[in-house]
Amino acid sequence: MRFGDWGARLSPAAVADLLEAALDLGIDTLDLADIYGGHTTNALIGAALALRPGLRARLRLIAKIGIVMTASPGNTRGVAYYDLSIEHLRDALRDTLSALGTDHVETLTLHRFDPRIDPAAVADWVRAEQREGRVGDFGVSNFDAHAIALFDGHLPVVANQIELSLANSGAIEDGTLNATRARGAEVHAWSPLGGGDLLNLHSPISGRVHERLPAMAEEFGLDPASLLLRWVASMPETRVVLGTTKIERIRDAVRACAEPLPRDAWYALWEAARGKAVP
């Protein structure tokens, strides 16, 4: 999300360098969405892949679709909304493949839940795209426990991308995390640093967490950001979605996520973030 106009404004060559470095560290999955960079980031990735053709075969691409922004092409009403109609999904997938310069994505993901979704129709369309080879697996993003259940009996869901960090652990308590895992799907945790709030000493939650964070980070030989990532990655079937464009931070994250926190340390940080002990 931060590669292009919404962040670092990397050149195609810089993106290719970053992807190659991440691959060399064992990270092979790139999380994308058609709206990133105001509908420009997929084309940036496509340009990077065109510069270094060998990269595409080493990458697994996650393509999220289904959000219409106020400035999205064709939006004449000026209101943002979610559109999981087959017509919109078909067009969005076509545009995604064209921008990326590829004929398929490894995982197609519905970006946000649309209350008007027809799960059976979506499942039929996804299976048709799978037969044509344009789509591999199917995932969802920001679906709660009830929303993900709509696909039961229709289509396997391989992943649910949800906001999850010490700043926002609601998915643990509202059943979303358990509902995802119960279906054999991975949890892909976005904003694992709480959008930076957990490292901002002036934010209320950071103040509570930092009562324990520095000493615990030193205990485990990590910097504070890496310890926060390890807290998220310690949950089973959970992968951390990294937002950094700095290879040194990716290297730190790989080390941080290589092993789980001991249970007592994990709960100590959660108690600090919650501001109260577990029941």
Protein backbone atom coordinates (compact mmCIF):
# COMPACT_ATOMS: atom_id res chain seq x y z
CA MET A 1 0.00 0.00 0.00
CA ARG A 2 2.88 2.36 0.74
CA PHE A 3 5.06 1.55 -2.27
CA GLY A 4 3.58 4.26 -4.49
CA ASP A 5 1.52 7.44 -4.24
CA TRP A 6 0.25 6.66 -0.73
CA GLY A 7 3.74 6.40 0.71
CA ALA A 8 7.33 6.06 -0.45
CA ARG A 9 6.72 6.82 -4.15
CA LEU A 10 9.27 4.21 -5.18
CA SER A 11 10.41 3.89 -8.77
CA PRO A 12 9.75 0.60 -10.59
CA ALA A 13 13.45 -0.25 -10.23
CA ALA A 14 13.33 0.42 -6.46
CA VAL A 15 10.23 -1.76 -6.15
CA ALA A 16 11.99 -4.56 -8.03
CA ASP A 17 15.00 -4.26 -5.71
CA LEU A 18 12.76 -4.37 -2.64
CA LEU A 19 10.84 -7.41 -3.89
CA GLU A 20 14.03 -9.26 -4.73
CA ALA A 21 15.50 -8.53 -1.31
CA ALA A 22 12.31 -9.71 0.42
CA LEU A 23 12.30 -12.90 -1.64
CA ASP A 24 15.89 -13.56 -0.65
CA LEU A 25 14.78 -13.28 2.99
CA GLY A 26 12.08 -15.90 2.45
CA ILE A 27 9.06 -13.60 1.95
CA ASP A 28 7.30 -14.61 -1.25
CA THR A 29 3.82 -13.07 -0.88
CA LEU A 30 2.88 -9.56 -2.01
CA ASP A 31 -0.40 -8.10 -0.75
CA LEU A 32 -2.06 -5.77 -3.27
CA ALA A 33 -5.35 -3.96 -3.82
CA ASP A 34 -6.71 -2.23 -6.89
CA ILE A 35 -7.40 1.00 -4.98
CA TYR A 36 -3.87 1.42 -3.55
CA GLY A 37 -2.21 4.64 -4.61
CA GLY A 38 -5.50 5.85 -6.01
CA HIS A 39 -5.60 2.96 -8.49
CA THR A 40 -1.93 3.43 -9.47
CA THR A 41 0.08 0.96 -7.37
CA ASN A 42 -0.81 -2.17 -9.33
CA ALA A 43 0.61 -0.53 -12.44
CA LEU A 44 3.75 0.36 -10.47
CA ILE A 45 4.14 -3.30 -9.48
CA GLY A 46 3.51 -4.32 -13.08
CA ALA A 47 6.27 -2.00 -14.27
CA ALA A 48 8.66 -3.44 -11.67
CA LEU A 49 7.86 -7.00 -12.74
CA ALA A 50 8.37 -6.06 -16.39
CA LEU A 51 11.80 -4.68 -15.55
CA ARG A 52 12.81 -7.95 -13.87
CA PRO A 53 10.73 -10.73 -15.43
CA GLY A 54 12.16 -13.47 -13.23
CA LEU A 55 10.50 -12.01 -10.16
CA ARG A 56 6.94 -12.92 -11.14
CA ALA A 57 7.57 -16.66 -11.04
CA ARG A 58 8.93 -16.35 -7.49
CA LEU A 59 6.04 -14.26 -6.14
CA ARG A 60 2.61 -15.13 -4.83
CA LEU A 61 0.26 -12.21 -5.52
CA ILE A 62 -2.77 -11.43 -3.35
CA ALA A 63 -5.17 -9.16 -5.25
CA LYS A 64 -7.87 -7.43 -3.21
CA ILE A 65 -10.90 -5.97 -5.02
CA GLY A 66 -14.35 -4.69 -4.08
CA ILE A 67 -13.89 -1.12 -2.79
CA VAL A 68 -15.09 1.89 -4.77
CA MET A 69 -13.54 5.17 -3.61
CA THR A 70 -15.04 8.58 -4.21
CA ALA A 71 -12.35 9.19 -6.84
CA SER A 72 -12.52 5.73 -8.43
CA PRO A 73 -13.10 5.72 -12.20
CA GLY A 74 -16.80 5.66 -13.06
CA ASN A 75 -17.96 6.83 -9.62
CA THR A 76 -20.32 9.68 -10.43
CA ARG A 77 -22.18 9.88 -7.11
CA GLY A 78 -19.17 10.91 -5.04
CA VAL A 79 -19.72 8.40 -2.23
CA ALA A 80 -17.37 5.57 -1.25
CA TYR A 81 -18.93 2.13 -1.11
CA TYR A 82 -18.29 -1.60 -1.35
CA ASP A 83 -19.32 -3.47 -4.48
CA LEU A 84 -19.13 -7.26 -4.53
CA SER A 85 -21.49 -7.59 -7.48
CA ILE A 86 -20.28 -9.99 -10.16
CA GLU A 87 -20.13 -7.18 -12.72
CA HIS A 88 -17.82 -5.08 -10.56
CA LEU A 89 -15.66 -8.02 -9.49
CA ARG A 90 -15.23 -9.16 -13.09
CA ASP A 91 -14.16 -5.70 -14.23
CA ALA A 92 -11.88 -5.21 -11.22
CA LEU A 93 -10.11 -8.52 -11.76
CA ARG A 94 -9.64 -7.75 -15.47
CA ASP A 95 -8.15 -4.33 -14.67
CA THR A 96 -5.95 -5.81 -11.93
CA LEU A 97 -4.44 -8.43 -14.23
CA SER A 98 -3.90 -5.84 -16.94
CA ALA A 99 -2.15 -3.39 -14.59
CA LEU A 100 0.06 -6.11 -13.12
CA GLY A 101 0.93 -7.48 -16.55
CA THR A 102 0.09 -11.03 -15.51
CA ASP A 103 -2.50 -13.60 -16.52
CA HIS A 104 -3.30 -14.81 -13.00
CA VAL A 105 -3.10 -14.07 -9.29
CA GLU A 106 -2.41 -16.69 -6.65
CA THR A 107 -5.16 -15.40 -4.33
CA LEU A 108 -8.18 -13.25 -5.12
CA THR A 109 -9.51 -11.47 -2.02
CA LEU A 110 -12.72 -9.54 -1.38
CA HIS A 111 -11.46 -6.32 0.19
CA ARG A 112 -14.44 -5.37 2.37
CA PHE A 113 -17.79 -6.91 3.24
CA ASP A 114 -20.73 -5.72 1.14
CA PRO A 115 -24.10 -6.31 2.89
CA ARG A 116 -25.63 -6.90 -0.54
CA ILE A 117 -23.29 -9.78 -1.37
CA ASP A 118 -24.69 -12.94 -2.95
CA PRO A 119 -22.24 -15.62 -1.70
CA ALA A 120 -23.50 -18.34 -4.06
CA ALA A 121 -23.13 -16.08 -7.09
CA VAL A 122 -19.65 -14.97 -6.01
CA ALA A 123 -18.64 -18.59 -5.47
CA ASP A 124 -19.88 -19.57 -8.93
CA TRP A 125 -17.94 -16.69 -10.52
CA VAL A 126 -14.74 -17.46 -8.57
CA ARG A 127 -14.87 -21.11 -9.59
CA ALA A 128 -15.29 -20.06 -13.22
CA GLU A 129 -12.23 -17.80 -12.93
CA GLN A 130 -10.31 -20.65 -11.29
CA ARG A 131 -11.16 -22.97 -14.17
CA GLU A 132 -9.86 -20.34 -16.60
CA GLY A 133 -6.62 -20.13 -14.61
CA ARG A 134 -6.94 -16.45 -13.74
CA VAL A 135 -7.47 -17.07 -10.02
CA GLY A 136 -5.88 -19.53 -7.62
CA ASP A 137 -7.19 -19.43 -4.05
CA PHE A 138 -10.01 -17.32 -2.63
CA GLY A 139 -9.79 -15.08 0.43
CA VAL A 140 -11.62 -12.31 2.23
CA SER A 141 -10.54 -9.18 4.07
CA ASN A 142 -12.16 -7.40 7.01
CA PHE A 143 -14.92 -10.03 7.25
CA ASP A 144 -16.23 -10.65 10.77
CA ALA A 145 -17.20 -14.06 12.14
CA HIS A 146 -20.73 -13.90 10.68
CA ALA A 147 -19.65 -12.59 7.28
CA ILE A 148 -17.03 -15.27 6.69
CA ALA A 149 -19.65 -17.91 7.56
CA LEU A 150 -21.68 -16.87 4.51
CA PHE A 151 -19.29 -18.85 2.34
CA ASP A 152 -19.73 -22.09 4.27
CA GLY A 153 -20.88 -24.72 1.81
CA HIS A 154 -20.13 -22.45 -1.14
CA LEU A 155 -16.38 -21.92 -1.40
CA PRO A 156 -13.27 -22.57 0.71
CA VAL A 157 -11.71 -19.43 2.19
CA VAL A 158 -7.93 -19.67 2.55
CA ALA A 159 -7.37 -16.41 4.45
CA ASN A 160 -9.09 -13.51 6.18
CA GLN A 161 -7.12 -10.29 6.34
CA ILE A 162 -8.07 -8.44 9.53
CA GLU A 163 -6.75 -5.58 11.61
CA LEU A 164 -4.89 -7.10 14.53
CA SER A 165 -2.39 -5.63 16.97
CA LEU A 166 -2.01 -4.72 20.62
CA ALA A 167 -3.79 -1.48 19.70
CA ASN A 168 -6.74 -3.34 18.16
CA SER A 169 -7.23 -6.90 19.39
CA GLY A 170 -11.01 -6.90 19.00
CA ALA A 171 -10.85 -9.76 16.50
CA ILE A 172 -9.68 -12.01 19.33
CA GLU A 173 -12.62 -11.19 21.57
CA ASP A 174 -15.42 -10.90 19.01
CA GLY A 175 -14.80 -14.33 17.53
CA THR A 176 -13.42 -13.24 14.15
CA LEU A 177 -10.03 -14.83 14.70
CA ASN A 178 -11.55 -18.11 15.89
CA ALA A 179 -14.10 -18.17 13.06
CA THR A 180 -11.27 -17.73 10.55
CA ARG A 181 -9.12 -20.48 12.03
CA ALA A 182 -12.10 -22.83 12.43
CA ARG A 183 -12.47 -22.84 8.65
CA GLY A 184 -8.84 -23.78 8.10
CA ALA A 185 -8.04 -20.26 6.89
CA GLU A 186 -5.01 -18.18 7.77
CA VAL A 187 -5.28 -14.88 9.60
CA HIS A 188 -3.43 -12.11 7.77
CA ALA A 189 -2.89 -9.35 10.32
CA TRP A 190 -2.77 -5.85 8.87
CA SER A 191 -1.59 -2.79 10.81
CA PRO A 192 0.32 -4.95 13.34
CA LEU A 193 1.86 -1.81 14.86
CA GLY A 194 -1.51 -0.12 15.28
CA GLY A 195 -0.84 2.35 12.48
CA GLY A 196 2.21 3.51 14.44
CA ASP A 197 0.21 4.40 17.56
CA LEU A 198 1.96 1.67 19.55
CA LEU A 199 5.29 3.40 18.96
CA ASN A 200 3.94 6.89 19.63
CA LEU A 201 4.71 7.64 23.27
CA HIS A 202 2.01 10.31 23.35
CA SER A 203 -0.85 7.95 22.50
CA PRO A 204 -2.87 6.57 25.46
CA ILE A 205 -2.38 2.91 24.53
CA SER A 206 1.33 3.35 23.89
CA GLY A 207 1.77 4.78 27.36
CA ARG A 208 0.32 1.63 28.91
CA VAL A 209 2.21 -0.76 26.65
CA HIS A 210 5.51 1.04 27.18
CA GLU A 211 5.34 0.27 30.88
CA ARG A 212 6.42 -3.24 29.84
CA LEU A 213 7.68 -2.94 26.27
CA PRO A 214 11.30 -1.65 26.63
CA ALA A 215 12.35 -4.12 29.30
CA MET A 216 10.66 -7.03 27.54
CA ALA A 217 12.18 -6.06 24.19
CA GLU A 218 15.63 -6.09 25.82
CA GLU A 219 14.86 -9.46 27.42
CA PHE A 220 14.18 -11.05 24.03
CA GLY A 221 16.90 -9.17 22.15
CA LEU A 222 14.47 -7.27 19.95
CA ASP A 223 13.69 -3.64 19.26
CA PRO A 224 10.19 -2.52 20.42
CA ALA A 225 8.63 -2.68 16.93
CA SER A 226 9.90 -6.21 16.43
CA LEU A 227 8.51 -7.30 19.79
CA LEU A 228 5.10 -5.92 18.79
CA LEU A 229 5.27 -7.94 15.56
CA ARG A 230 6.25 -11.06 17.48
CA TRP A 231 3.19 -10.62 19.70
CA VAL A 232 0.93 -10.76 16.64
CA ALA A 233 2.86 -13.55 14.92
CA SER A 234 2.65 -15.68 18.08
CA MET A 235 -1.01 -16.44 17.37
CA PRO A 236 -1.51 -19.72 15.48
CA GLU A 237 -2.15 -19.63 11.73
CA THR A 238 -1.39 -15.90 11.73
CA ARG A 239 0.82 -14.07 9.25
CA VAL A 240 1.89 -10.46 9.71
CA VAL A 241 1.26 -8.04 6.83
CA LEU A 242 4.26 -5.73 6.69
CA GLY A 243 3.82 -2.17 5.47
CA THR A 244 7.44 -1.06 5.45
CA THR A 245 9.42 -0.23 2.32
CA LYS A 246 12.77 -0.50 4.13
CA ILE A 247 14.64 -3.75 3.67
CA GLU A 248 16.31 -3.47 7.09
CA ARG A 249 12.87 -3.40 8.72
CA ILE A 250 11.81 -6.42 6.67
CA ARG A 251 14.95 -8.22 7.86
CA ASP A 252 14.10 -7.35 11.49
CA ALA A 253 10.52 -8.54 10.97
CA VAL A 254 11.63 -11.91 9.61
CA ARG A 255 13.71 -12.45 12.73
CA ALA A 256 10.91 -11.21 15.00
CA CYS A 257 8.34 -13.59 13.54
CA ALA A 258 10.60 -16.63 13.52
CA GLU A 259 9.50 -17.81 16.97
CA PRO A 260 6.59 -17.16 19.33
CA LEU A 261 6.59 -15.27 22.59
CA PRO A 262 6.27 -17.32 25.78
CA ARG A 263 2.66 -17.35 26.95
CA ASP A 264 3.29 -15.31 30.09
CA ALA A 265 5.03 -12.54 28.12
CA TRP A 266 2.28 -12.57 25.49
CA TYR A 267 -0.42 -12.12 28.13
CA ALA A 268 1.59 -9.48 30.00
CA LEU A 269 1.65 -7.29 26.90
CA TRP A 270 -2.03 -7.93 26.19
CA GLU A 271 -2.94 -6.99 29.75
CA ALA A 272 -0.94 -3.75 29.41
CA ALA A 273 -2.69 -2.88 26.15
CA ARG A 274 -6.16 -3.69 27.52
CA GLY A 275 -5.55 -1.78 30.72
CA LYS A 276 -6.99 -4.66 32.72
CA ALA A 277 -6.25 -8.29 33.46
CA VAL A 278 -7.83 -11.07 31.43
CA PRO A 279 -11.06 -12.41 33.04
